[in-house]
Each structure stands twice: as structure tokens, then as C-alpha cells.
Amino acid sequence: MENIIPKRIANTVINALKGGVVPRVGLEYITVGRAQEINAFLHDIDIIADGGATFRFVVGKYGSGKSFLLQTIRNYATAKGFVVMDADLSPERRFSGTKGQGLATYRELIQNISVKSKPDGGALSLVLEKWISGIQAGSAQHYDIGSVEFDKDVEKQIYAVAGQLEGMINGFEFAKAIIAYWRAYQADDQATKSNALRWFRGEYATRKEAKDALDINWIVTDETWYDFLKVFAAFMVSAGYKGVLVMVDELVNIFKIPNSISRQNNYEKLLTMYNDALQGKAKHIGFLMGCTPQCIEDRYRGIFSYEALRSRLAEGHFSTEDVKDLSAPIIRLQMLSQEEVYILVEKLRDIHASLYGYEPTLTHEDLVYFLNVEYNRVGADTHITPREIIRDFIELLGIIHQNPQKSVADILGSNSFQMAKGGLTDEEIHDDFVGFEL
């Protein structure tokens, strides 16, 4: 292998892909294709760092690599000094709902705050502690630690950040929670620190509870949670991060809402977020929304059923499947080419060998044989996805490793392969994959 992958990461990659999910680490070892899409998202990240806001839909069929791409961008953003919040929608988590579904989404986003030093989520307290420690370190260059002057200078800077937030919607209450956390930090008051974190996470059910615990007569609600995300973005920049990237997948759960009014309410909230991003009402924040083509295009229940969104998101007259405008708000993922899938399985072969400590045994011909079986299955031209191919291939790797006396042809079955390839000769099969001579 060109890059030696640590066994811990190799194990995570292989097990996650075998289970049909995207690993949170190690994506750099298996990323193929998607160069244009990734470059478009990296441009968005630059805009966020410059104080702007972005909004994108990533549209792809199940198993097309949509979640993989989102995870790749997530890892890149945290590595570059951004805060990433991510959540999957579900029947219990939406943008709006009569049973607190919007608040539930907010809680999931805050719970999953990730930064470079804590990439797996749960980084809120780390961010706050790092922010305060950074301010203290700056003051320590001018004053003796623990002196009256030192404490005053630290508090002055804490209040300056809080003051910047007060002008935003719900920023005054957010600033009070920041001050409460700082005072608890200074006094080593773990109970108040915990209460402040609960408030940030939207865990107080009533204003009275928040008032009693923190003297803050306001809480995050189903109506206000999005405004709090914008305040969080402003605070994170003050805390030294470059911006916030909000990633929401499985928008199909809005499409599935049976009640039309509830669906429209969710699309209205989505429209608000979209308008804020494109009209400059939000700063240092970007949104990536993952969904299927049906979730977007269905004129009865999809996003295009909401005319205000359809008119903004519909493609112009010049885009085709081969020529796309990657600056548009919707990025549609095409399936990986056969050449790209070959490179992917080649990488997986080497990672599997590295994990289990053996020299890779599958040859170029073996990989071509496997891919021909996969691509020539009945219905594969319209239904096969990278996810299915990956799962099949990892299963094949496991069987070959555990049964070294077996060949790929033994396991896949030469008879089934003859049927799968539809009467093509071996020479014709080779011609189909001539691009794989790497």
C-alpha cells in the first residue's frame, strides 16, 4: 500500500462498510472520484470562513455515496478549524412539529458538535473550556495569573464576547448563559456549569426551570432553535473557530410526513434557512442537506411541492446529466464509474490485507472477474449501488482469507458468471475493463 493505514482505523473502515454504514474515520484511504463535488464544497467552506453563509442539497439514491461524501466534507471541515454539527432526521426529529420535533433536531445537532480534537461529537464543553483557557493564556502574557488585574482582564474579554452576541435574536439570553458558565468555571462550580450546558443543549422543559437554575428567563423551543444555531456560529468564531457547518441527512423523513400541513411547515422552516443563507442574514454558517431524488422532485410531497422552494431550486434550461452547474444549490450525485469502483475495491483489498496481516492475494484479473459478476447481474444497470458492491467485496475478502484454498471463481461460481456476463467472451469482458490496467 502507498499509505500505511493504522490497524485501528482499518478495522473501523472494514467493519463499518461491511455493515453498510459510513465510517467516521479513515475516509481519506478509500475516497475515489467526486473531485468536482468536493471542490464545490471546499469553495463553500472558504465562503463560511470569510463570514458568509452557504446552503446546499446533496441529492443521491440510497447507496450512491451521499452519506460518504457528507462524512468526507465533515472530516475536512473539522481538520481545517471548523465546528461541525450533524443530525439525521427521523419521525422524532424534523425542522418543525407539534411534539417538539424541531427541538429534538436541535438537541441532536448540539449533542453532535465536533471539532478537530474531538471529532466524534460531544465537544460543546471542550469548546467552552478551550475558549476560556485561550483568553486566560492571553491575559497571562500581561498579568500574573491569579492577580486581581489578571481576573479583571479575563472577565473583560469574556464580557466583550458576550456583548457581541447580545444584538442577535436570542443573543442576550445566550450571552447570559456564557457569563453563567464563566462564573461557574471561575468558582469551580460543577453544578452551575452542568446547568449552563443543559441550557445550551435545549434540555430545559420550561422557562421556570431555567430561571431557577441560571436566572435566565428563556429557553430553546421548537420556534427558536434555528436562531440559536446562528448565535452559536457567531460565538464559535469568537472562540477561535472559522465557522460552523450544519449537516442534516435523511430529509426523506419530511417527504414521508402524511399530514400535508406538517410537511408544509417543515418546508417553510427550510425556506427560512435557505433565504437567510443566500440573503446574508446568517454569517459564518453553512448547511448541507442530504436527500434522495424523490424527496426533492415529487410534486405532491417532495420539496418541489412547496412552490417557494421549487422556484428557487429548480435547475435552469442548460444543465444536463453530463454537464452540471456545481455552484447551484442542488448537487446531484452520479454513480461512481466502473473505473472508480475498481480503484475502490483495490484499496479495500489492500486495507483488508493490512488489517489481517497478509499479502494481498487477489489479482487484477480477480477484481475484474468480481466486478463483472456484480455489474452483469439482472437489473444491475439501474439498481446496483457502490454500497452493495462494497459489502459483497468485503464478504468475498473474508471468505478468501479464511479459505485460502478457494479461488474467486470457486466462490462466485463459474456457471453463474457465465450467465451473468450474458454470453460475452473473456476477450470482450477484458475490453470492457481495459481502463483498469492501472
Protein backbone atom coordinates (compact mmCIF):
# COMPACT_ATOMS: atom_id res chain seq x y z
CA MET A 1 0.00 0.00 0.00
CA GLU A 2 1.17 3.52 -0.70
CA ASN A 3 -0.16 4.76 2.63
CA ILE A 4 0.09 2.57 5.70
CA ILE A 5 -3.24 2.62 7.47
CA PRO A 6 -3.26 2.11 11.27
CA LYS A 7 -4.93 -1.15 12.29
CA ARG A 8 -7.47 0.66 14.47
CA ILE A 9 -8.64 2.76 11.54
CA ALA A 10 -8.51 -0.18 9.12
CA ASN A 11 -10.73 -2.16 11.49
CA THR A 12 -13.24 0.69 11.72
CA VAL A 13 -13.31 1.15 7.93
CA ILE A 14 -13.81 -2.53 7.12
CA ASN A 15 -16.41 -3.19 9.82
CA ALA A 16 -18.41 -0.05 9.05
CA LEU A 17 -18.51 -0.72 5.31
CA LYS A 18 -19.36 -4.37 5.89
CA GLY A 19 -22.31 -3.19 7.97
CA GLY A 20 -23.45 -0.82 5.24
CA VAL A 21 -22.61 2.41 7.10
CA VAL A 22 -20.05 5.14 6.51
CA PRO A 23 -17.02 5.11 8.84
CA ARG A 24 -16.28 8.36 10.65
CA VAL A 25 -12.52 7.92 10.30
CA GLY A 26 -10.21 6.70 7.56
CA LEU A 27 -12.16 8.09 4.62
CA GLU A 28 -9.00 9.54 3.10
CA TYR A 29 -7.81 5.97 2.50
CA ILE A 30 -10.83 4.98 0.41
CA THR A 31 -12.05 8.17 -1.27
CA VAL A 32 -12.30 7.88 -5.05
CA GLY A 33 -13.94 10.19 -7.60
CA ARG A 34 -16.17 13.10 -6.53
CA ALA A 35 -13.36 15.59 -7.18
CA GLN A 36 -15.67 18.21 -8.69
CA GLU A 37 -18.26 17.90 -5.93
CA ILE A 38 -15.62 18.06 -3.21
CA ASN A 39 -14.08 21.17 -4.77
CA ALA A 40 -17.51 22.83 -4.79
CA PHE A 41 -17.94 22.14 -1.08
CA LEU A 42 -14.42 23.35 -0.29
CA HIS A 43 -15.32 26.63 -2.01
CA ASP A 44 -18.36 26.83 0.30
CA ILE A 45 -16.11 26.31 3.32
CA ASP A 46 -13.93 29.23 2.22
CA ILE A 47 -17.05 31.42 1.98
CA ILE A 48 -18.09 30.44 5.52
CA ALA A 49 -14.61 31.27 6.82
CA ASP A 50 -14.88 34.71 5.19
CA GLY A 51 -18.09 35.42 7.11
CA GLY A 52 -20.64 34.32 4.54
CA ALA A 53 -23.27 31.58 4.62
CA THR A 54 -23.99 28.70 2.24
CA PHE A 55 -26.80 26.22 1.64
CA ARG A 56 -26.61 23.02 -0.41
CA PHE A 57 -28.71 19.95 -1.06
CA VAL A 58 -26.73 16.77 -1.76
CA VAL A 59 -29.04 14.52 -3.74
CA GLY A 60 -28.38 10.85 -4.42
CA LYS A 61 -30.07 7.48 -4.42
CA TYR A 62 -29.66 5.15 -1.44
CA GLY A 63 -26.18 3.67 -1.54
CA SER A 64 -24.90 6.19 -4.10
CA GLY A 65 -22.26 7.60 -1.76
CA LYS A 66 -24.22 10.59 -0.46
CA SER A 67 -23.50 9.92 3.23
CA PHE A 68 -19.90 9.07 2.37
CA LEU A 69 -19.44 12.44 0.68
CA LEU A 70 -21.03 14.29 3.60
CA GLN A 71 -18.73 12.48 6.02
CA THR A 72 -15.70 13.34 3.91
CA ILE A 73 -16.60 17.04 3.98
CA ARG A 74 -17.26 16.79 7.72
CA ASN A 75 -13.77 15.42 8.36
CA TYR A 76 -12.17 18.05 6.15
CA ALA A 77 -14.03 20.90 7.87
CA THR A 78 -13.05 19.85 11.40
CA ALA A 79 -9.43 19.40 10.30
CA LYS A 80 -9.47 22.98 8.96
CA GLY A 81 -10.70 24.51 12.22
CA PHE A 82 -14.47 24.48 11.74
CA VAL A 83 -17.15 23.30 14.12
CA VAL A 84 -19.43 20.68 12.59
CA MET A 85 -22.93 19.81 13.84
CA ASP A 86 -24.69 16.86 12.26
CA ALA A 87 -28.01 15.06 12.64
CA ASP A 88 -30.16 12.55 10.78
CA LEU A 89 -33.84 13.40 10.58
CA SER A 90 -36.36 10.79 11.73
CA PRO A 91 -40.05 10.70 12.70
CA GLU A 92 -38.96 12.22 16.03
CA ARG A 93 -36.56 14.77 14.52
CA ARG A 94 -37.75 17.29 11.94
CA PHE A 95 -37.43 21.02 11.35
CA SER A 96 -40.86 21.68 12.83
CA GLY A 97 -43.54 19.70 14.62
CA THR A 98 -46.30 19.77 17.18
CA LYS A 99 -44.45 17.39 19.51
CA GLY A 100 -41.10 19.14 19.79
CA GLN A 101 -39.53 17.53 16.71
CA GLY A 102 -37.68 20.74 15.79
CA LEU A 103 -36.20 21.00 19.28
CA ALA A 104 -35.23 17.32 19.08
CA THR A 105 -33.23 18.07 15.92
CA TYR A 106 -31.52 20.98 17.65
CA ARG A 107 -30.60 18.76 20.60
CA GLU A 108 -29.12 16.17 18.26
CA LEU A 109 -27.07 18.84 16.46
CA ILE A 110 -25.67 20.25 19.70
CA GLN A 111 -25.00 16.77 21.07
CA ASN A 112 -23.01 16.01 17.90
CA ILE A 113 -20.83 19.13 17.92
CA SER A 114 -17.45 18.03 16.57
CA VAL A 115 -14.08 19.77 16.36
CA LYS A 116 -10.63 18.61 15.31
CA SER A 117 -9.60 17.49 18.79
CA LYS A 118 -12.94 15.74 19.41
CA PRO A 119 -14.18 14.54 16.01
CA ASP A 120 -16.82 12.10 17.26
CA GLY A 121 -19.20 14.65 18.80
CA GLY A 122 -19.91 15.83 22.32
CA ALA A 123 -17.44 18.72 22.04
CA LEU A 124 -19.54 21.57 23.50
CA SER A 125 -17.92 21.58 26.93
CA LEU A 126 -14.48 21.21 25.32
CA VAL A 127 -15.15 24.26 23.13
CA LEU A 128 -16.18 26.36 26.14
CA GLU A 129 -13.21 25.26 28.25
CA LYS A 130 -10.79 25.86 25.37
CA TRP A 131 -12.25 29.31 24.78
CA ILE A 132 -11.81 30.33 28.42
CA SER A 133 -8.33 28.80 28.61
CA GLY A 134 -7.33 30.71 25.47
CA ILE A 135 -8.45 34.00 26.99
CA GLN A 136 -6.60 33.20 30.22
CA ALA A 137 -3.44 32.36 28.29
CA GLY A 138 -3.61 35.71 26.52
CA SER A 139 -4.08 37.60 29.78
CA ALA A 140 -1.21 35.67 31.39
CA GLN A 141 1.17 37.35 28.95
CA HIS A 142 0.43 40.71 30.58
CA TYR A 143 -0.59 39.94 34.17
CA ASP A 144 0.34 37.49 36.89
CA ILE A 145 -2.04 34.51 36.98
CA GLY A 146 -4.42 34.82 39.91
CA SER A 147 -3.84 38.52 40.37
CA VAL A 148 -6.71 40.99 40.53
CA GLU A 149 -5.59 42.51 37.23
CA PHE A 150 -5.49 39.08 35.58
CA ASP A 151 -9.03 38.23 36.70
CA LYS A 152 -10.34 41.62 35.58
CA ASP A 153 -8.74 41.31 32.14
CA VAL A 154 -10.14 37.80 31.60
CA GLU A 155 -13.60 38.89 32.69
CA LYS A 156 -13.41 41.95 30.46
CA GLN A 157 -12.73 39.76 27.41
CA ILE A 158 -15.46 37.29 28.38
CA TYR A 159 -17.97 40.13 28.63
CA ALA A 160 -16.76 41.60 25.33
CA VAL A 161 -17.65 38.35 23.53
CA ALA A 162 -20.99 38.20 25.31
CA GLY A 163 -21.66 41.80 24.32
CA GLN A 164 -21.12 40.99 20.64
CA LEU A 165 -23.82 38.34 20.83
CA GLU A 166 -26.45 40.44 22.60
CA GLY A 167 -27.58 42.20 19.44
CA MET A 168 -28.61 38.95 17.76
CA ILE A 169 -32.05 37.33 18.07
CA ASN A 170 -31.95 35.42 21.38
CA GLY A 171 -28.35 36.56 21.73
CA PHE A 172 -28.97 38.31 25.05
CA GLU A 173 -30.05 35.07 26.72
CA PHE A 174 -27.17 33.19 25.09
CA ALA A 175 -24.75 35.80 26.45
CA LYS A 176 -26.18 35.37 29.96
CA ALA A 177 -25.57 31.61 29.71
CA ILE A 178 -21.98 32.28 28.59
CA ILE A 179 -21.42 34.53 31.61
CA ALA A 180 -23.01 31.95 33.92
CA TYR A 181 -20.68 29.27 32.59
CA TRP A 182 -17.65 31.53 33.02
CA ARG A 183 -18.52 32.36 36.63
CA ALA A 184 -19.07 28.68 37.40
CA TYR A 185 -15.74 27.87 35.75
CA GLN A 186 -14.02 30.51 37.83
CA ALA A 187 -15.60 29.26 41.07
CA ASP A 188 -15.21 25.56 40.11
CA ASP A 189 -18.98 25.24 40.49
CA GLN A 190 -19.65 21.99 38.61
CA ALA A 191 -23.42 22.12 39.20
CA THR A 192 -23.84 25.51 37.54
CA LYS A 193 -21.55 24.51 34.68
CA SER A 194 -23.74 21.48 34.13
CA ASN A 195 -26.88 23.64 34.23
CA ALA A 196 -25.41 26.02 31.64
CA LEU A 197 -24.57 23.11 29.34
CA ARG A 198 -28.12 21.81 29.74
CA TRP A 199 -29.42 25.22 28.71
CA PHE A 200 -27.19 25.32 25.61
CA ARG A 201 -28.38 21.83 24.69
CA GLY A 202 -32.04 22.86 24.97
CA GLU A 203 -32.79 20.42 27.78
CA TYR A 204 -34.94 22.67 30.00
CA ALA A 205 -38.62 21.98 29.50
CA THR A 206 -39.90 25.28 30.94
CA ARG A 207 -38.69 28.81 31.43
CA LYS A 208 -39.23 28.44 35.16
CA GLU A 209 -36.70 25.63 35.35
CA ALA A 210 -34.13 27.76 33.53
CA LYS A 211 -34.94 30.76 35.70
CA ASP A 212 -34.46 28.78 38.89
CA ALA A 213 -31.22 27.16 37.72
CA LEU A 214 -29.50 30.05 35.90
CA ASP A 215 -31.68 33.16 36.28
CA ILE A 216 -32.33 33.02 32.51
CA ASN A 217 -35.97 33.50 31.67
CA TRP A 218 -35.73 31.95 28.20
CA ILE A 219 -35.23 28.51 26.68
CA VAL A 220 -34.67 26.99 23.25
CA THR A 221 -38.00 26.00 21.71
CA ASP A 222 -39.39 24.49 18.53
CA GLU A 223 -39.83 28.01 17.17
CA THR A 224 -36.45 29.48 18.19
CA TRP A 225 -33.92 26.65 17.74
CA TYR A 226 -32.72 27.82 14.33
CA ASP A 227 -31.99 31.32 15.67
CA PHE A 228 -29.83 29.73 18.36
CA LEU A 229 -27.77 27.96 15.68
CA LYS A 230 -26.92 31.36 14.21
CA VAL A 231 -25.89 32.63 17.64
CA PHE A 232 -23.75 29.52 18.13
CA ALA A 233 -22.00 30.26 14.84
CA ALA A 234 -21.17 33.80 15.97
CA PHE A 235 -19.89 32.52 19.31
CA MET A 236 -17.75 29.79 17.74
CA VAL A 237 -15.97 32.38 15.61
CA SER A 238 -15.34 34.48 18.73
CA ALA A 239 -13.96 31.32 20.36
CA GLY A 240 -11.36 30.97 17.60
CA TYR A 241 -13.05 28.62 15.13
CA LYS A 242 -13.53 29.51 11.47
CA GLY A 243 -17.27 28.88 11.34
CA VAL A 244 -19.98 26.25 11.71
CA LEU A 245 -21.06 23.61 9.22
CA VAL A 246 -24.52 22.13 9.87
CA MET A 247 -25.11 18.76 8.19
CA VAL A 248 -28.58 17.23 8.12
CA ASP A 249 -29.21 13.90 6.38
CA GLU A 250 -32.31 11.81 5.70
CA LEU A 251 -34.60 14.66 4.62
CA VAL A 252 -36.74 11.85 3.20
CA ASN A 253 -38.37 11.78 6.65
CA ILE A 254 -40.07 15.08 5.81
CA PHE A 255 -41.25 13.64 2.50
CA LYS A 256 -42.80 10.75 4.47
CA ILE A 257 -44.89 13.00 6.77
CA PRO A 258 -48.51 12.03 5.97
CA ASN A 259 -50.05 15.33 7.05
CA SER A 260 -49.71 17.96 4.32
CA ILE A 261 -49.81 20.92 6.74
CA SER A 262 -46.99 19.43 8.81
CA ARG A 263 -44.93 18.87 5.67
CA GLN A 264 -45.52 22.46 4.55
CA ASN A 265 -44.47 23.78 7.96
CA ASN A 266 -41.19 21.86 7.65
CA TYR A 267 -40.60 23.18 4.15
CA GLU A 268 -41.33 26.70 5.38
CA LYS A 269 -38.61 26.36 8.03
CA LEU A 270 -36.27 25.02 5.34
CA LEU A 271 -37.11 28.05 3.18
CA THR A 272 -36.25 30.40 6.05
CA MET A 273 -32.84 28.77 6.47
CA TYR A 274 -32.21 28.87 2.71
CA ASN A 275 -33.21 32.54 2.40
CA ASP A 276 -31.09 33.56 5.39
CA ALA A 277 -28.03 31.89 3.91
CA LEU A 278 -28.39 33.39 0.44
CA GLN A 279 -29.56 36.86 1.54
CA GLY A 280 -26.73 37.42 4.01
CA LYS A 281 -28.88 37.23 7.15
CA ALA A 282 -26.69 34.44 8.52
CA LYS A 283 -22.92 34.60 8.97
CA HIS A 284 -20.15 32.05 9.35
CA ILE A 285 -22.54 29.14 8.88
CA GLY A 286 -23.19 26.61 6.12
CA PHE A 287 -25.88 23.99 5.64
CA LEU A 288 -25.58 20.66 3.86
CA MET A 289 -28.83 18.72 3.44
CA GLY A 290 -28.78 15.11 2.27
CA CYS A 291 -31.78 13.62 0.48
CA THR A 292 -32.95 11.32 -2.33
CA PRO A 293 -34.11 12.49 -5.79
CA GLN A 294 -37.74 11.64 -4.94
CA CYS A 295 -37.53 13.72 -1.77
CA ILE A 296 -36.66 16.73 -3.93
CA GLU A 297 -38.66 16.19 -7.11
CA ASP A 298 -42.01 14.73 -6.07
CA ARG A 299 -44.56 17.46 -6.88
CA TYR A 300 -47.07 16.18 -4.34
CA ARG A 301 -44.97 15.54 -1.22
CA GLY A 302 -41.39 16.48 -2.03
CA ILE A 303 -39.55 19.76 -1.60
CA PHE A 304 -40.77 20.83 -5.04
CA SER A 305 -44.35 20.58 -3.75
CA TYR A 306 -43.58 23.81 -1.88
CA GLU A 307 -43.67 26.37 -4.67
CA ALA A 308 -41.40 28.91 -2.97
CA LEU A 309 -38.64 26.30 -2.73
CA ARG A 310 -39.26 24.82 -6.18
CA SER A 311 -38.94 28.21 -7.85
CA ARG A 312 -35.62 28.80 -6.08
CA LEU A 313 -34.12 25.34 -6.51
CA ALA A 314 -35.28 24.18 -9.95
CA GLU A 315 -32.46 23.81 -12.46
CA GLY A 316 -32.21 26.07 -15.48
CA HIS A 317 -32.50 25.02 -19.10
CA PHE A 318 -28.85 24.27 -19.80
CA SER A 319 -27.87 21.62 -17.24
CA THR A 320 -27.75 18.01 -18.38
CA GLU A 321 -26.71 14.74 -16.74
CA ASP A 322 -23.23 15.20 -18.18
CA VAL A 323 -22.90 18.97 -17.68
CA LYS A 324 -23.82 20.31 -14.25
CA ASP A 325 -23.58 23.70 -12.59
CA LEU A 326 -21.84 22.82 -9.32
CA SER A 327 -22.45 26.32 -7.95
CA ALA A 328 -26.20 25.57 -7.92
CA PRO A 329 -27.92 24.86 -4.58
CA ILE A 330 -28.61 21.23 -5.57
CA ILE A 331 -25.70 18.89 -6.26
CA ARG A 332 -26.86 15.61 -7.77
CA LEU A 333 -24.52 12.68 -7.33
CA GLN A 334 -23.98 10.38 -10.26
CA MET A 335 -23.00 6.79 -9.57
CA LEU A 336 -19.25 6.11 -9.46
CA SER A 337 -17.89 4.96 -12.80
CA GLN A 338 -16.75 1.36 -13.18
CA GLU A 339 -13.14 2.55 -13.26
CA GLU A 340 -13.62 4.41 -9.96
CA VAL A 341 -15.25 1.36 -8.37
CA TYR A 342 -12.27 -0.74 -9.48
CA ILE A 343 -9.90 1.66 -7.73
CA LEU A 344 -12.12 1.50 -4.63
CA VAL A 345 -12.13 -2.31 -4.39
CA GLU A 346 -8.38 -2.31 -4.98
CA LYS A 347 -7.96 0.00 -1.98
CA LEU A 348 -10.26 -2.19 0.13
CA ARG A 349 -8.28 -5.28 -0.84
CA ASP A 350 -5.09 -3.68 0.47
CA ILE A 351 -6.72 -2.36 3.66
CA HIS A 352 -8.16 -5.81 4.44
CA ALA A 353 -4.72 -7.38 3.93
CA SER A 354 -3.12 -4.76 6.17
CA LEU A 355 -5.71 -5.34 8.90
CA TYR A 356 -5.28 -9.11 8.98
CA GLY A 357 -1.55 -9.15 8.28
CA TYR A 358 -1.25 -10.91 4.94
CA GLU A 359 -0.05 -10.08 1.46
CA PRO A 360 -2.92 -9.23 -0.91
CA THR A 361 -3.77 -12.30 -2.96
CA LEU A 362 -6.49 -11.05 -5.31
CA THR A 363 -5.03 -10.14 -8.70
CA HIS A 364 -6.17 -7.60 -11.25
CA GLU A 365 -7.95 -10.40 -13.05
CA ASP A 366 -9.73 -11.42 -9.83
CA LEU A 367 -11.00 -7.88 -9.28
CA VAL A 368 -12.20 -7.63 -12.88
CA TYR A 369 -13.89 -11.02 -12.53
CA PHE A 370 -15.69 -9.88 -9.36
CA LEU A 371 -16.84 -6.58 -10.85
CA ASN A 372 -18.12 -8.25 -13.99
CA VAL A 373 -20.26 -10.57 -11.89
CA GLU A 374 -21.60 -7.57 -9.97
CA TYR A 375 -22.28 -5.35 -12.97
CA ASN A 376 -23.84 -8.10 -15.09
CA ARG A 377 -26.45 -9.17 -12.58
CA VAL A 378 -30.04 -8.78 -13.74
CA GLY A 379 -31.13 -5.18 -13.10
CA ALA A 380 -27.65 -4.02 -12.10
CA ASP A 381 -27.63 -1.26 -14.71
CA THR A 382 -30.31 0.66 -12.80
CA HIS A 383 -30.26 -0.72 -9.26
CA ILE A 384 -26.74 -1.67 -8.21
CA THR A 385 -25.02 0.82 -5.88
CA PRO A 386 -21.46 1.22 -4.53
CA ARG A 387 -22.77 0.19 -1.10
CA GLU A 388 -23.88 -3.21 -2.39
CA ILE A 389 -20.67 -3.79 -4.32
CA ILE A 390 -18.57 -2.85 -1.28
CA ARG A 391 -20.47 -5.18 1.04
CA ASP A 392 -20.19 -8.06 -1.42
CA PHE A 393 -16.48 -7.44 -1.91
CA ILE A 394 -15.66 -7.30 1.81
CA GLU A 395 -17.58 -10.56 2.24
CA LEU A 396 -15.53 -12.05 -0.60
CA LEU A 397 -12.29 -10.87 1.02
CA GLY A 398 -13.25 -12.52 4.29
CA ILE A 399 -14.11 -15.83 2.65
CA ILE A 400 -10.92 -15.89 0.55
CA HIS A 401 -8.78 -15.10 3.61
CA GLN A 402 -10.45 -17.82 5.70
CA ASN A 403 -10.41 -20.34 2.84
CA PRO A 404 -7.11 -19.79 1.02
CA GLN A 405 -7.55 -22.99 -0.98
CA LYS A 406 -10.53 -21.42 -2.75
CA SER A 407 -10.29 -19.18 -5.82
CA VAL A 408 -12.52 -16.26 -6.69
CA ALA A 409 -14.12 -18.38 -9.42
CA ASP A 410 -14.80 -21.15 -6.88
CA ILE A 411 -16.64 -18.75 -4.59
CA LEU A 412 -18.52 -16.69 -7.16
CA GLY A 413 -19.32 -19.73 -9.25
CA SER A 414 -18.21 -20.01 -12.86
CA ASN A 415 -21.65 -21.08 -14.04
CA SER A 416 -23.40 -18.08 -12.52
CA PHE A 417 -20.72 -15.86 -14.01
CA GLN A 418 -21.30 -17.26 -17.48
CA MET A 419 -24.98 -16.40 -17.12
CA ALA A 420 -24.24 -13.00 -15.62
CA LYS A 421 -21.94 -11.90 -18.42
CA GLY A 422 -24.67 -12.61 -20.95
CA GLY A 423 -22.64 -14.64 -23.42
CA LEU A 424 -19.73 -12.21 -23.75
CA THR A 425 -16.34 -13.76 -24.43
CA ASP A 426 -13.49 -13.35 -21.98
CA GLU A 427 -11.80 -11.04 -24.50
CA GLU A 428 -14.88 -8.82 -24.66
CA ILE A 429 -15.05 -8.75 -20.86
CA HIS A 430 -11.42 -7.66 -20.79
CA ASP A 431 -12.13 -4.94 -23.34
CA ASP A 432 -14.93 -3.57 -21.13
CA PHE A 433 -12.44 -3.12 -18.32
CA VAL A 434 -9.40 -2.16 -20.34
CA GLY A 435 -9.28 1.10 -18.38
CA PHE A 436 -8.41 -0.92 -15.29
CA GLU A 437 -4.87 -1.58 -16.49
CA LEU A 438 -3.52 0.68 -13.73
